Each structure stands twice: as C-alpha cells, then as structure tokens.
Amino acid sequence: MASLSQWVGGARPRTLPTAVASVAVGTGLAVNSSSLMPVRALLALLVAIALQVGVNYANDYSDGIKGTDEARVGPVRLVGQRLATPASVRLAAFMSFAVAAILGVILVGLVGQWWLLLVGVASVAAAWLYTGGPSPYGYFGLGEVFVFVFFGLVPVVGTFYVQSLTVTASSVIAAVAVGLLACAVLVTNNLRDIPTDTTSGKRTLAVRLGDPRTRLLYLTLVIGAGFATVAVAALLSWWLLIVLLAFGLAISPVRRVRGGATGPALVPALKETGLLVLGYGLALAAGLCLV
C-alpha cells in the first residue's frame, strides 16, 4: 500500500509549474487587454492542475501495466514499483479528470460558450491516450506535439479567451513560447529515459532522434521560446524584452543537457527546466500586467 507521500510523488508535483505558468500567462494577457475576470482565471488554473495530475497518474498506470516503468530513474512510479495496484492508480487518474471536468463545466457555464466543452473532451482524451489505449501516441514520438498543444496553446489561449472572449496574435505567440518550454521539460525527461525506453520498445521522439540530436532539440526549444518572447514584445511593448532575463534560469539545465549528463545526472536538469517554465511564465505574466 502506497503512503501519502508516495501518492503525492506519483502525482509528480514538479510538473505542475507548467500548468501554473500557462494560466498565469493567459491571465496576464487578460490584464493587459483590460478583461481580467479573477473567478474564471482561478477556475482555469484549477482545471489545468487537475488535468496535469490526471495525466501523470494515467501515465503511471499505462506505463506500469506495459512494464516500461520498471527500470527507470527519477520520480516514484506507483505501478512500476508495485507501490499501488494498477486499479487504484487508474482510479486516481479518473478522479483527477472528473475534478477537471466538473470545474471545466462550471467555467464553460460562466463563459456561455458551450463549444468549449469539446476542448475539454479533447484535452482529457489526449491525456489518456498519451500512453494509454491500444496505440498510445507517446510511444510513437508524438508526445511533444501533445505537450505543445495541450500545455502551451490550449491553456494560454484558453485562459485568455474565457476572460476576453477573443484570440489575438500576441496570445498565440505567447502560448507558443510557453509550449516550447513545456516541450523542453518532456525532452529532458525522455532524454534521461532513452536507454530504458529503447529496451522496452517505447519509441519516443528522443529515442527516434538519438542522444546527440535530442540534446540539440532541447537547446532549440529554449532559443525558440526566446524568439517568441521578442515577437510578443514587438506586438505589445518593447518593455517586455526584460522578460528575457528569466532565461538566466536556463543556463544550468542547458549546461547539463548540452554537457552530456545522463541518467540520474539529468534529474536536476528536469527540475531546473520546470523552474524555468515557472519563472518564465510568472515573469511574462507580470510584464503583461505592467505594460
């Protein structure tokens, strides 16, 4: 029987900064356009966090029953390490999705745009099918696409939309920046797991690209987020260029990734990349509120 701390570890709290950062940026955009609605912003945050926890438990369950989690390093694996039964972890995932769905319906009711329910359904389906189902797309190198769309574009643009009822070029480009950094988190994780994923037949993008090109991809994603930030500044205010200072948080993880760190030595890089996403998101949100 897993302890409370192991259940918390299984939820992978270090991935939650991505959810916080994306909603913070979307809310910053709403403040910038004088359309802030705090209750809707809070609901969007809670939905994003619930979905993040849900996908983490879902991945733990699906990878665990497939046997791909048994030899990995990093955070606790409830099923893979036989700390909890697959059924209980699956239930935890479904309960998290249910919380996200209930809060999402409330949010959609406040907004009055019922087509948004389709976005919610797509988000939950994408979360489950990442490593679940007969043909999990995470096993075929498409995980980064999912992260970019559902942890970048959807939460940033969605958070802005539910408050402003509009989509702007600046909101899309800001979402691109967050999405690229969110992808960097997954790339770090999959870079670490290349040996075990190769053995288990999990063909992630990192496995397909190989070690050297995956490290180059990581750097490209970070640099791409920087260019996207410049584009947002060009559209809204050049004062936003000060947000580029947040990329100082990228120095350490970039050094680890580009320096050839492997296995457990990449765990700090994963944590630091999560902090980069959070620091960048909060900095950009603050900048959007001030300009």
C-alpha atoms as a PDB file:
ATOM      1  CA  MET A   1       0.000   0.000   0.000  1.00  0.00           C
ATOM      2  CA  ALA A   2       1.467   3.332  -1.071  1.00  0.00           C
ATOM      3  CA  SER A   3       1.929   6.022   1.562  1.00  0.00           C
ATOM      4  CA  LEU A   4       0.529   9.527   1.230  1.00  0.00           C
ATOM      5  CA  SER A   5       3.959  10.886   0.310  1.00  0.00           C
ATOM      6  CA  GLN A   6       4.285   8.238  -2.413  1.00  0.00           C
ATOM      7  CA  TRP A   7       0.872   9.156  -3.823  1.00  0.00           C
ATOM      8  CA  VAL A   8       1.959  12.791  -3.860  1.00  0.00           C
ATOM      9  CA  GLY A   9       5.187  11.766  -5.566  1.00  0.00           C
ATOM     10  CA  GLY A  10       3.184   9.764  -8.095  1.00  0.00           C
ATOM     11  CA  ALA A  11       1.279  12.934  -8.981  1.00  0.00           C
ATOM     12  CA  ARG A  12       4.683  14.361  -9.985  1.00  0.00           C
ATOM     13  CA  PRO A  13       4.297  17.815  -8.419  1.00  0.00           C
ATOM     14  CA  ARG A  14       7.404  19.043 -10.209  1.00  0.00           C
ATOM     15  CA  THR A  15       5.391  19.047 -13.447  1.00  0.00           C
ATOM     16  CA  LEU A  16       2.763  21.425 -12.020  1.00  0.00           C
ATOM     17  CA  PRO A  17       4.758  24.618 -12.781  1.00  0.00           C
ATOM     18  CA  THR A  18       3.811  24.128 -16.426  1.00  0.00           C
ATOM     19  CA  ALA A  19       0.109  24.361 -15.567  1.00  0.00           C
ATOM     20  CA  VAL A  20       0.668  27.392 -13.343  1.00  0.00           C
ATOM     21  CA  ALA A  21       2.855  29.165 -15.910  1.00  0.00           C
ATOM     22  CA  SER A  22       0.426  28.706 -18.798  1.00  0.00           C
ATOM     23  CA  VAL A  23      -2.585  30.012 -16.872  1.00  0.00           C
ATOM     24  CA  ALA A  24      -0.511  32.873 -15.437  1.00  0.00           C
ATOM     25  CA  VAL A  25       0.469  33.986 -18.937  1.00  0.00           C
ATOM     26  CA  GLY A  26      -3.119  33.738 -20.187  1.00  0.00           C
ATOM     27  CA  THR A  27      -4.285  35.802 -17.216  1.00  0.00           C
ATOM     28  CA  GLY A  28      -1.508  38.336 -17.783  1.00  0.00           C
ATOM     29  CA  LEU A  29      -2.767  38.731 -21.329  1.00  0.00           C
ATOM     30  CA  ALA A  30      -6.270  39.312 -19.949  1.00  0.00           C
ATOM     31  CA  VAL A  31      -4.988  42.025 -17.609  1.00  0.00           C
ATOM     32  CA  ASN A  32      -3.099  43.601 -20.498  1.00  0.00           C
ATOM     33  CA  SER A  33      -6.325  43.792 -22.522  1.00  0.00           C
ATOM     34  CA  SER A  34      -8.390  45.054 -19.535  1.00  0.00           C
ATOM     35  CA  SER A  35     -10.503  41.891 -19.476  1.00  0.00           C
ATOM     36  CA  LEU A  36      -9.426  40.241 -16.220  1.00  0.00           C
ATOM     37  CA  MET A  37     -12.042  38.006 -14.578  1.00  0.00           C
ATOM     38  CA  PRO A  38     -10.463  36.521 -11.412  1.00  0.00           C
ATOM     39  CA  VAL A  39     -13.013  33.749 -10.858  1.00  0.00           C
ATOM     40  CA  ARG A  40     -12.600  32.466 -14.396  1.00  0.00           C
ATOM     41  CA  ALA A  41      -8.819  32.678 -14.094  1.00  0.00           C
ATOM     42  CA  LEU A  42      -8.908  30.660 -10.855  1.00  0.00           C
ATOM     43  CA  LEU A  43     -11.135  28.010 -12.389  1.00  0.00           C
ATOM     44  CA  ALA A  44      -8.836  27.779 -15.405  1.00  0.00           C
ATOM     45  CA  LEU A  45      -5.887  27.250 -13.051  1.00  0.00           C
ATOM     46  CA  LEU A  46      -7.650  24.500 -11.112  1.00  0.00           C
ATOM     47  CA  VAL A  47      -8.689  22.752 -14.328  1.00  0.00           C
ATOM     48  CA  ALA A  48      -5.116  22.889 -15.634  1.00  0.00           C
ATOM     49  CA  ILE A  49      -3.689  21.473 -12.400  1.00  0.00           C
ATOM     50  CA  ALA A  50      -6.291  18.691 -12.228  1.00  0.00           C
ATOM     51  CA  LEU A  51      -5.556  17.704 -15.824  1.00  0.00           C
ATOM     52  CA  GLN A  52      -1.816  17.711 -15.132  1.00  0.00           C
ATOM     53  CA  VAL A  53      -2.232  15.435 -12.122  1.00  0.00           C
ATOM     54  CA  GLY A  54      -4.610  13.241 -14.108  1.00  0.00           C
ATOM     55  CA  VAL A  55      -2.207  12.749 -16.985  1.00  0.00           C
ATOM     56  CA  ASN A  56       0.608  11.955 -14.542  1.00  0.00           C
ATOM     57  CA  TYR A  57      -1.410   9.214 -12.842  1.00  0.00           C
ATOM     58  CA  ALA A  58      -2.649   7.973 -16.224  1.00  0.00           C
ATOM     59  CA  ASN A  59       0.927   7.694 -17.488  1.00  0.00           C
ATOM     60  CA  ASP A  60       1.972   5.909 -14.296  1.00  0.00           C
ATOM     61  CA  TYR A  61      -0.856   3.401 -14.792  1.00  0.00           C
ATOM     62  CA  SER A  62      -0.380   2.818 -18.523  1.00  0.00           C
ATOM     63  CA  ASP A  63       3.408   2.633 -18.453  1.00  0.00           C
ATOM     64  CA  GLY A  64       3.240   0.459 -15.349  1.00  0.00           C
ATOM     65  CA  ILE A  65       0.982  -2.203 -16.825  1.00  0.00           C
ATOM     66  CA  LYS A  66       3.092  -2.230 -20.007  1.00  0.00           C
ATOM     67  CA  GLY A  67       6.251  -2.769 -17.966  1.00  0.00           C
ATOM     68  CA  THR A  68       8.060   0.303 -19.300  1.00  0.00           C
ATOM     69  CA  ASP A  69       8.483   1.916 -15.853  1.00  0.00           C
ATOM     70  CA  GLU A  70      10.257  -0.888 -14.034  1.00  0.00           C
ATOM     71  CA  ALA A  71      13.873   0.214 -14.569  1.00  0.00           C
ATOM     72  CA  ARG A  72      13.564   3.996 -14.743  1.00  0.00           C
ATOM     73  CA  VAL A  73      15.221   6.620 -12.603  1.00  0.00           C
ATOM     74  CA  GLY A  74      13.540   9.758 -11.333  1.00  0.00           C
ATOM     75  CA  PRO A  75      10.185  10.232  -9.592  1.00  0.00           C
ATOM     76  CA  VAL A  76       8.266   7.455  -7.911  1.00  0.00           C
ATOM     77  CA  ARG A  77       6.326   5.032 -10.143  1.00  0.00           C
ATOM     78  CA  LEU A  78       3.368   3.697  -8.218  1.00  0.00           C
ATOM     79  CA  VAL A  79       2.551   0.817 -10.552  1.00  0.00           C
ATOM     80  CA  GLY A  80       6.022   0.155 -11.932  1.00  0.00           C
ATOM     81  CA  GLN A  81       7.496  -0.090  -8.432  1.00  0.00           C
ATOM     82  CA  ARG A  82       4.463  -2.059  -7.201  1.00  0.00           C
ATOM     83  CA  LEU A  83       3.658   0.536  -4.563  1.00  0.00           C
ATOM     84  CA  ALA A  84      -0.024   0.646  -5.532  1.00  0.00           C
ATOM     85  CA  THR A  85      -2.353  -1.532  -7.579  1.00  0.00           C
ATOM     86  CA  PRO A  86      -2.954  -0.566 -11.194  1.00  0.00           C
ATOM     87  CA  ALA A  87      -6.688  -0.244 -10.466  1.00  0.00           C
ATOM     88  CA  SER A  88      -6.113   2.304  -7.690  1.00  0.00           C
ATOM     89  CA  VAL A  89      -3.784   4.427  -9.825  1.00  0.00           C
ATOM     90  CA  ARG A  90      -6.240   4.304 -12.721  1.00  0.00           C
ATOM     91  CA  LEU A  91      -8.976   5.427 -10.306  1.00  0.00           C
ATOM     92  CA  ALA A  92      -6.774   8.326  -9.167  1.00  0.00           C
ATOM     93  CA  ALA A  93      -6.377   9.373 -12.800  1.00  0.00           C
ATOM     94  CA  PHE A  94     -10.122   9.176 -13.459  1.00  0.00           C
ATOM     95  CA  MET A  95     -10.890  11.124 -10.294  1.00  0.00           C
ATOM     96  CA  SER A  96      -8.476  13.865 -11.345  1.00  0.00           C
ATOM     97  CA  PHE A  97     -10.090  14.011 -14.776  1.00  0.00           C
ATOM     98  CA  ALA A  98     -13.522  14.149 -13.115  1.00  0.00           C
ATOM     99  CA  VAL A  99     -12.459  17.136 -10.995  1.00  0.00           C
ATOM    100  CA  ALA A 100     -11.149  18.853 -14.124  1.00  0.00           C
ATOM    101  CA  ALA A 101     -14.397  18.080 -15.958  1.00  0.00           C
ATOM    102  CA  ILE A 102     -16.648  19.412 -13.183  1.00  0.00           C
ATOM    103  CA  LEU A 103     -14.673  22.623 -12.809  1.00  0.00           C
ATOM    104  CA  GLY A 104     -14.473  22.919 -16.581  1.00  0.00           C
ATOM    105  CA  VAL A 105     -18.242  22.687 -16.956  1.00  0.00           C
ATOM    106  CA  ILE A 106     -18.657  25.410 -14.328  1.00  0.00           C
ATOM    107  CA  LEU A 107     -16.169  27.589 -16.195  1.00  0.00           C
ATOM    108  CA  VAL A 108     -17.879  26.993 -19.537  1.00  0.00           C
ATOM    109  CA  GLY A 109     -21.225  27.840 -17.936  1.00  0.00           C
ATOM    110  CA  LEU A 110     -19.846  31.174 -16.761  1.00  0.00           C
ATOM    111  CA  VAL A 111     -18.390  31.919 -20.173  1.00  0.00           C
ATOM    112  CA  GLY A 112     -21.510  30.801 -22.034  1.00  0.00           C
ATOM    113  CA  GLN A 113     -19.535  29.262 -24.901  1.00  0.00           C
ATOM    114  CA  TRP A 114     -20.583  25.619 -24.807  1.00  0.00           C
ATOM    115  CA  TRP A 115     -18.356  24.604 -27.711  1.00  0.00           C
ATOM    116  CA  LEU A 116     -15.503  24.876 -25.223  1.00  0.00           C
ATOM    117  CA  LEU A 117     -16.678  21.531 -23.811  1.00  0.00           C
ATOM    118  CA  LEU A 118     -15.194  19.946 -26.939  1.00  0.00           C
ATOM    119  CA  VAL A 119     -11.813  21.401 -25.986  1.00  0.00           C
ATOM    120  CA  GLY A 120     -12.174  19.809 -22.569  1.00  0.00           C
ATOM    121  CA  VAL A 121     -13.097  16.426 -24.025  1.00  0.00           C
ATOM    122  CA  ALA A 122     -10.125  16.611 -26.399  1.00  0.00           C
ATOM    123  CA  SER A 123      -7.815  17.501 -23.505  1.00  0.00           C
ATOM    124  CA  VAL A 124      -8.890  14.517 -21.408  1.00  0.00           C
ATOM    125  CA  ALA A 125      -8.735  12.170 -24.405  1.00  0.00           C
ATOM    126  CA  ALA A 126      -5.245  13.387 -25.290  1.00  0.00           C
ATOM    127  CA  ALA A 127      -4.155  12.962 -21.675  1.00  0.00           C
ATOM    128  CA  TRP A 128      -5.328   9.347 -21.521  1.00  0.00           C
ATOM    129  CA  LEU A 129      -4.180   8.291 -24.991  1.00  0.00           C
ATOM    130  CA  TYR A 130      -0.649   9.660 -24.472  1.00  0.00           C
ATOM    131  CA  THR A 131       0.433   6.329 -23.003  1.00  0.00           C
ATOM    132  CA  GLY A 132      -2.949   4.565 -22.754  1.00  0.00           C
ATOM    133  CA  GLY A 133      -5.108   2.710 -25.211  1.00  0.00           C
ATOM    134  CA  PRO A 134      -4.066   0.225 -27.917  1.00  0.00           C
ATOM    135  CA  SER A 135      -1.874   2.732 -29.822  1.00  0.00           C
ATOM    136  CA  PRO A 136      -0.501   5.328 -27.383  1.00  0.00           C
ATOM    137  CA  TYR A 137       0.898   8.204 -29.395  1.00  0.00           C
ATOM    138  CA  GLY A 138       3.562   8.882 -26.766  1.00  0.00           C
ATOM    139  CA  TYR A 139       5.131   5.579 -27.821  1.00  0.00           C
ATOM    140  CA  PHE A 140       5.423   6.793 -31.409  1.00  0.00           C
ATOM    141  CA  GLY A 141       7.278  10.059 -30.924  1.00  0.00           C
ATOM    142  CA  LEU A 142       4.279  12.380 -30.754  1.00  0.00           C
ATOM    143  CA  GLY A 143       4.430  13.306 -27.077  1.00  0.00           C
ATOM    144  CA  GLU A 144       5.961  16.699 -27.762  1.00  0.00           C
ATOM    145  CA  VAL A 145       3.087  17.558 -30.095  1.00  0.00           C
ATOM    146  CA  PHE A 146       0.603  16.809 -27.302  1.00  0.00           C
ATOM    147  CA  VAL A 147       2.553  18.870 -24.770  1.00  0.00           C
ATOM    148  CA  PHE A 148       2.909  21.817 -27.146  1.00  0.00           C
ATOM    149  CA  VAL A 149      -0.804  21.888 -27.915  1.00  0.00           C
ATOM    150  CA  PHE A 150      -2.357  20.967 -24.563  1.00  0.00           C
ATOM    151  CA  PHE A 151       0.190  22.508 -22.183  1.00  0.00           C
ATOM    152  CA  GLY A 152       1.001  25.524 -24.319  1.00  0.00           C
ATOM    153  CA  LEU A 153      -1.556  26.621 -26.884  1.00  0.00           C
ATOM    154  CA  VAL A 154      -4.744  25.413 -25.206  1.00  0.00           C
ATOM    155  CA  PRO A 155      -4.207  26.651 -21.620  1.00  0.00           C
ATOM    156  CA  VAL A 156      -2.640  30.004 -22.526  1.00  0.00           C
ATOM    157  CA  VAL A 157      -5.033  30.928 -25.325  1.00  0.00           C
ATOM    158  CA  GLY A 158      -7.918  29.253 -23.485  1.00  0.00           C
ATOM    159  CA  THR A 159      -7.313  31.157 -20.245  1.00  0.00           C
ATOM    160  CA  PHE A 160      -7.157  34.402 -22.189  1.00  0.00           C
ATOM    161  CA  TYR A 161     -10.253  33.533 -24.208  1.00  0.00           C
ATOM    162  CA  VAL A 162     -12.523  32.652 -21.278  1.00  0.00           C
ATOM    163  CA  GLN A 163     -11.849  36.105 -19.862  1.00  0.00           C
ATOM    164  CA  SER A 164     -11.726  38.224 -23.015  1.00  0.00           C
ATOM    165  CA  LEU A 165     -13.807  36.168 -25.485  1.00  0.00           C
ATOM    166  CA  THR A 166     -11.199  36.849 -28.143  1.00  0.00           C
ATOM    167  CA  VAL A 167      -7.986  35.389 -29.552  1.00  0.00           C
ATOM    168  CA  THR A 168      -5.121  37.662 -30.556  1.00  0.00           C
ATOM    169  CA  ALA A 169      -1.824  37.169 -32.328  1.00  0.00           C
ATOM    170  CA  SER A 170       0.040  38.056 -29.139  1.00  0.00           C
ATOM    171  CA  SER A 171      -1.863  35.410 -27.154  1.00  0.00           C
ATOM    172  CA  VAL A 172      -0.999  32.721 -29.713  1.00  0.00           C
ATOM    173  CA  ILE A 173       2.684  33.672 -29.827  1.00  0.00           C
ATOM    174  CA  ALA A 174       2.897  33.821 -26.026  1.00  0.00           C
ATOM    175  CA  ALA A 175       1.321  30.348 -25.988  1.00  0.00           C
ATOM    176  CA  VAL A 176       3.967  29.166 -28.445  1.00  0.00           C
ATOM    177  CA  ALA A 177       6.702  30.350 -26.059  1.00  0.00           C
ATOM    178  CA  VAL A 178       5.179  28.502 -23.100  1.00  0.00           C
ATOM    179  CA  GLY A 179       4.542  25.426 -25.235  1.00  0.00           C
ATOM    180  CA  LEU A 180       8.149  25.266 -26.395  1.00  0.00           C
ATOM    181  CA  LEU A 181       9.431  25.413 -22.828  1.00  0.00           C
ATOM    182  CA  ALA A 182       6.897  22.793 -21.744  1.00  0.00           C
ATOM    183  CA  CYS A 183       8.238  20.578 -24.530  1.00  0.00           C
ATOM    184  CA  ALA A 184      11.745  21.140 -23.155  1.00  0.00           C
ATOM    185  CA  VAL A 185      10.604  19.545 -19.891  1.00  0.00           C
ATOM    186  CA  LEU A 186       9.389  16.439 -21.729  1.00  0.00           C
ATOM    187  CA  VAL A 187      12.514  16.309 -23.885  1.00  0.00           C
ATOM    188  CA  THR A 188      14.688  16.326 -20.748  1.00  0.00           C
ATOM    189  CA  ASN A 189      12.616  13.516 -19.266  1.00  0.00           C
ATOM    190  CA  ASN A 190      12.769  11.439 -22.443  1.00  0.00           C
ATOM    191  CA  LEU A 191      16.486  12.110 -22.922  1.00  0.00           C
ATOM    192  CA  ARG A 192      17.085  10.612 -19.495  1.00  0.00           C
ATOM    193  CA  ASP A 193      14.940   7.592 -20.363  1.00  0.00           C
ATOM    194  CA  ILE A 194      16.425   6.803 -23.795  1.00  0.00           C
ATOM    195  CA  PRO A 195      18.164   3.587 -22.633  1.00  0.00           C
ATOM    196  CA  THR A 196      15.137   2.127 -20.822  1.00  0.00           C
ATOM    197  CA  ASP A 197      12.637   3.316 -23.429  1.00  0.00           C
ATOM    198  CA  THR A 198      14.731   1.741 -26.187  1.00  0.00           C
ATOM    199  CA  THR A 199      14.787  -1.559 -24.326  1.00  0.00           C
ATOM    200  CA  SER A 200      11.048  -1.528 -23.645  1.00  0.00           C
ATOM    201  CA  GLY A 201      10.110  -0.526 -27.191  1.00  0.00           C
ATOM    202  CA  LYS A 202       8.807   2.931 -26.307  1.00  0.00           C
ATOM    203  CA  ARG A 203       9.712   4.942 -29.408  1.00  0.00           C
ATOM    204  CA  THR A 204       9.676   8.469 -28.015  1.00  0.00           C
ATOM    205  CA  LEU A 205      10.969  11.349 -30.098  1.00  0.00           C
ATOM    206  CA  ALA A 206      14.206  11.191 -28.103  1.00  0.00           C
ATOM    207  CA  VAL A 207      14.640   7.516 -28.980  1.00  0.00           C
ATOM    208  CA  ARG A 208      13.958   8.267 -32.637  1.00  0.00           C
ATOM    209  CA  LEU A 209      16.336  11.229 -32.781  1.00  0.00           C
ATOM    210  CA  GLY A 210      19.068   9.689 -30.685  1.00  0.00           C
ATOM    211  CA  ASP A 211      21.042  11.244 -27.851  1.00  0.00           C
ATOM    212  CA  PRO A 212      23.024  13.996 -29.668  1.00  0.00           C
ATOM    213  CA  ARG A 213      20.105  15.372 -31.675  1.00  0.00           C
ATOM    214  CA  THR A 214      17.801  15.275 -28.655  1.00  0.00           C
ATOM    215  CA  ARG A 215      20.239  17.491 -26.780  1.00  0.00           C
ATOM    216  CA  LEU A 216      20.258  19.881 -29.734  1.00  0.00           C
ATOM    217  CA  LEU A 217      16.456  19.829 -29.776  1.00  0.00           C
ATOM    218  CA  TYR A 218      16.405  20.917 -26.131  1.00  0.00           C
ATOM    219  CA  LEU A 219      18.553  23.945 -26.889  1.00  0.00           C
ATOM    220  CA  THR A 220      16.439  24.763 -29.959  1.00  0.00           C
ATOM    221  CA  LEU A 221      13.247  24.765 -27.898  1.00  0.00           C
ATOM    222  CA  VAL A 222      14.716  27.168 -25.325  1.00  0.00           C
ATOM    223  CA  ILE A 223      16.039  29.506 -28.017  1.00  0.00           C
ATOM    224  CA  GLY A 224      12.712  29.314 -29.866  1.00  0.00           C
ATOM    225  CA  ALA A 225      10.885  30.453 -26.724  1.00  0.00           C
ATOM    226  CA  GLY A 226      13.252  33.426 -26.569  1.00  0.00           C
ATOM    227  CA  PHE A 227      12.442  34.428 -30.140  1.00  0.00           C
ATOM    228  CA  ALA A 228       8.722  34.079 -29.427  1.00  0.00           C
ATOM    229  CA  THR A 229       9.148  36.425 -26.462  1.00  0.00           C
ATOM    230  CA  VAL A 230      10.719  39.023 -28.739  1.00  0.00           C
ATOM    231  CA  ALA A 231       7.757  38.667 -31.094  1.00  0.00           C
ATOM    232  CA  VAL A 232       5.282  39.253 -28.241  1.00  0.00           C
ATOM    233  CA  ALA A 233       7.264  42.341 -27.225  1.00  0.00           C
ATOM    234  CA  ALA A 234       7.132  43.630 -30.802  1.00  0.00           C
ATOM    235  CA  LEU A 235       3.344  43.309 -30.799  1.00  0.00           C
ATOM    236  CA  LEU A 236       2.605  44.712 -27.334  1.00  0.00           C
ATOM    237  CA  SER A 237       5.516  46.636 -25.814  1.00  0.00           C
ATOM    238  CA  TRP A 238       9.286  46.543 -26.147  1.00  0.00           C
ATOM    239  CA  TRP A 239       9.447  46.787 -22.355  1.00  0.00           C
ATOM    240  CA  LEU A 240       8.559  43.082 -22.351  1.00  0.00           C
ATOM    241  CA  LEU A 241      12.085  42.331 -23.519  1.00  0.00           C
ATOM    242  CA  ILE A 242      13.045  42.492 -19.851  1.00  0.00           C
ATOM    243  CA  VAL A 243      11.326  39.094 -19.546  1.00  0.00           C
ATOM    244  CA  LEU A 244      14.319  37.659 -21.403  1.00  0.00           C
ATOM    245  CA  LEU A 245      16.182  37.925 -18.105  1.00  0.00           C
ATOM    246  CA  ALA A 246      14.161  34.894 -16.976  1.00  0.00           C
ATOM    247  CA  PHE A 247      16.201  32.816 -19.404  1.00  0.00           C
ATOM    248  CA  GLY A 248      19.028  33.077 -16.910  1.00  0.00           C
ATOM    249  CA  LEU A 249      17.248  30.110 -15.342  1.00  0.00           C
ATOM    250  CA  ALA A 250      18.092  28.159 -18.495  1.00  0.00           C
ATOM    251  CA  ILE A 251      21.856  28.405 -18.050  1.00  0.00           C
ATOM    252  CA  SER A 252      22.238  25.498 -15.632  1.00  0.00           C
ATOM    253  CA  PRO A 253      19.912  22.986 -17.335  1.00  0.00           C
ATOM    254  CA  VAL A 254      21.307  23.828 -20.769  1.00  0.00           C
ATOM    255  CA  ARG A 255      24.807  23.183 -19.454  1.00  0.00           C
ATOM    256  CA  ARG A 256      23.736  19.834 -18.024  1.00  0.00           C
ATOM    257  CA  VAL A 257      21.911  18.740 -21.175  1.00  0.00           C
ATOM    258  CA  ARG A 258      24.499  20.007 -23.634  1.00  0.00           C
ATOM    259  CA  GLY A 259      27.299  18.845 -21.353  1.00  0.00           C
ATOM    260  CA  GLY A 260      26.347  15.207 -21.771  1.00  0.00           C
ATOM    261  CA  ALA A 261      24.661  14.431 -18.440  1.00  0.00           C
ATOM    262  CA  THR A 262      22.861  11.074 -18.468  1.00  0.00           C
ATOM    263  CA  GLY A 263      20.578   9.015 -16.228  1.00  0.00           C
ATOM    264  CA  PRO A 264      20.239  10.322 -12.662  1.00  0.00           C
ATOM    265  CA  ALA A 265      22.501  13.278 -13.540  1.00  0.00           C
ATOM    266  CA  LEU A 266      19.660  14.612 -15.703  1.00  0.00           C
ATOM    267  CA  VAL A 267      17.175  14.691 -12.823  1.00  0.00           C
ATOM    268  CA  PRO A 268      18.424  18.139 -11.668  1.00  0.00           C
ATOM    269  CA  ALA A 269      18.116  19.387 -15.252  1.00  0.00           C
ATOM    270  CA  LEU A 270      14.494  18.217 -15.284  1.00  0.00           C
ATOM    271  CA  LYS A 271      13.783  20.105 -12.064  1.00  0.00           C
ATOM    272  CA  GLU A 272      15.599  23.205 -13.322  1.00  0.00           C
ATOM    273  CA  THR A 273      13.696  23.152 -16.606  1.00  0.00           C
ATOM    274  CA  GLY A 274      10.444  23.044 -14.649  1.00  0.00           C
ATOM    275  CA  LEU A 275      11.620  26.067 -12.677  1.00  0.00           C
ATOM    276  CA  LEU A 276      12.496  27.770 -15.968  1.00  0.00           C
ATOM    277  CA  VAL A 277       8.939  27.277 -17.212  1.00  0.00           C
ATOM    278  CA  LEU A 278       7.513  28.633 -13.962  1.00  0.00           C
ATOM    279  CA  GLY A 279       9.937  31.553 -13.722  1.00  0.00           C
ATOM    280  CA  TYR A 280       9.410  32.496 -17.346  1.00  0.00           C
ATOM    281  CA  GLY A 281       5.624  32.228 -17.099  1.00  0.00           C
ATOM    282  CA  LEU A 282       5.426  34.363 -13.977  1.00  0.00           C
ATOM    283  CA  ALA A 283       7.858  36.926 -15.407  1.00  0.00           C
ATOM    284  CA  LEU A 284       5.918  37.222 -18.657  1.00  0.00           C
ATOM    285  CA  ALA A 285       2.612  37.406 -16.763  1.00  0.00           C
ATOM    286  CA  ALA A 286       3.975  40.178 -14.540  1.00  0.00           C
ATOM    287  CA  GLY A 287       5.327  42.024 -17.540  1.00  0.00           C
ATOM    288  CA  LEU A 288       1.990  41.804 -19.335  1.00  0.00           C
ATOM    289  CA  CYS A 289       0.255  43.214 -16.266  1.00  0.00           C
ATOM    290  CA  LEU A 290       2.630  46.166 -16.061  1.00  0.00           C
ATOM    291  CA  VAL A 291       2.975  47.328 -19.683  1.00  0.00           C
END
